[in-house]
Amino acid sequence: MTITVDIGDADLSELLAQVEAGEEIILMRNGVSVAKLAAVPSSESKKELIDTILRERSGRKPVSQAEIAEWKQIGRR
């Protein structure tokens, strides 16, 4: 959702309720985006995400610098 906010028009309680429901809100001034309201992930969901990343990475072999350089060359073709 994108809204243009006039100081007198802002209903922060309603905006926060929408953010809590999962919506991201872009605030604009004079047609220019100046801020984004978005929910802050809970610390539990951050921990779950970190655990998932570490679990996925643990099963993979390390990538060498030579492999990275080769992939860069392939991407430039």
Protein backbone atom coordinates (compact mmCIF):
# COMPACT_ATOMS: atom_id res chain seq x y z
CA MET A 1 0.00 0.00 0.00
CA THR A 2 1.25 3.50 -0.77
CA ILE A 3 -0.27 6.53 0.92
CA THR A 4 0.34 10.26 0.98
CA VAL A 5 0.23 11.50 4.54
CA ASP A 6 -0.96 14.89 5.63
CA ILE A 7 -0.08 15.57 9.28
CA GLY A 8 -3.78 15.86 10.15
CA ASP A 9 -4.72 12.74 8.17
CA ALA A 10 -2.42 10.21 9.82
CA ASP A 11 -4.20 7.59 11.91
CA LEU A 12 -1.21 5.78 13.34
CA SER A 13 -3.29 3.15 15.14
CA GLU A 14 -4.94 2.09 11.88
CA LEU A 15 -1.62 2.04 10.01
CA LEU A 16 -0.02 -0.09 12.72
CA ALA A 17 -2.95 -2.51 12.63
CA GLN A 18 -2.41 -2.94 8.89
CA VAL A 19 1.32 -3.49 9.40
CA GLU A 20 0.62 -6.10 12.07
CA ALA A 21 -1.67 -7.83 9.57
CA GLY A 22 1.34 -8.21 7.24
CA GLU A 23 0.99 -5.18 4.98
CA GLU A 24 3.94 -2.89 4.15
CA ILE A 25 3.04 0.79 3.92
CA ILE A 26 5.02 3.39 1.96
CA LEU A 27 4.70 6.96 3.24
CA MET A 28 5.08 9.73 0.68
CA ARG A 29 5.61 13.47 0.83
CA ASN A 30 4.94 15.57 -2.27
CA GLY A 31 4.88 12.44 -4.43
CA VAL A 32 8.23 11.17 -3.14
CA SER A 33 8.60 8.01 -1.04
CA VAL A 34 10.18 8.91 2.31
CA ALA A 35 9.53 5.97 4.63
CA LYS A 36 8.29 2.40 4.81
CA LEU A 37 6.31 0.89 7.67
CA ALA A 38 6.83 -2.86 7.94
CA ALA A 39 6.49 -5.46 10.66
CA VAL A 40 9.60 -6.34 12.61
CA PRO A 41 10.25 -10.09 12.52
CA SER A 42 10.07 -11.69 15.92
CA SER A 43 13.37 -12.81 17.41
CA GLU A 44 12.08 -16.40 17.26
CA SER A 45 11.54 -16.23 13.50
CA LYS A 46 15.02 -14.70 13.09
CA LYS A 47 16.51 -17.59 15.08
CA GLU A 48 14.60 -20.11 12.97
CA LEU A 49 15.87 -18.47 9.79
CA ILE A 50 19.48 -18.50 11.02
CA ASP A 51 19.15 -22.15 12.05
CA THR A 52 17.74 -23.04 8.62
CA ILE A 53 20.59 -21.24 6.83
CA LEU A 54 23.23 -22.94 8.98
CA ARG A 55 21.60 -26.36 8.49
CA GLU A 56 21.50 -25.88 4.69
CA ARG A 57 25.10 -24.68 4.55
CA SER A 58 26.42 -27.53 6.69
CA GLY A 59 25.58 -30.11 4.03
CA ARG A 60 27.46 -28.37 1.23
CA LYS A 61 31.12 -28.47 0.31
CA PRO A 62 33.01 -25.18 0.52
CA VAL A 63 33.36 -23.18 -2.69
CA SER A 64 36.90 -22.35 -3.81
CA GLN A 65 38.09 -18.97 -5.07
CA ALA A 66 38.84 -20.62 -8.42
CA GLU A 67 35.20 -21.77 -8.75
CA ILE A 68 33.94 -18.28 -7.96
CA ALA A 69 36.30 -16.77 -10.56
CA GLU A 70 35.11 -19.33 -13.14
CA TRP A 71 31.45 -18.49 -12.44
CA LYS A 72 32.21 -14.80 -12.90
CA GLN A 73 33.78 -15.50 -16.27
CA ILE A 74 30.79 -17.61 -17.33
CA GLY A 75 28.46 -14.75 -16.34
CA ARG A 76 30.41 -12.25 -18.45
CA ARG A 77 29.99 -14.25 -21.67
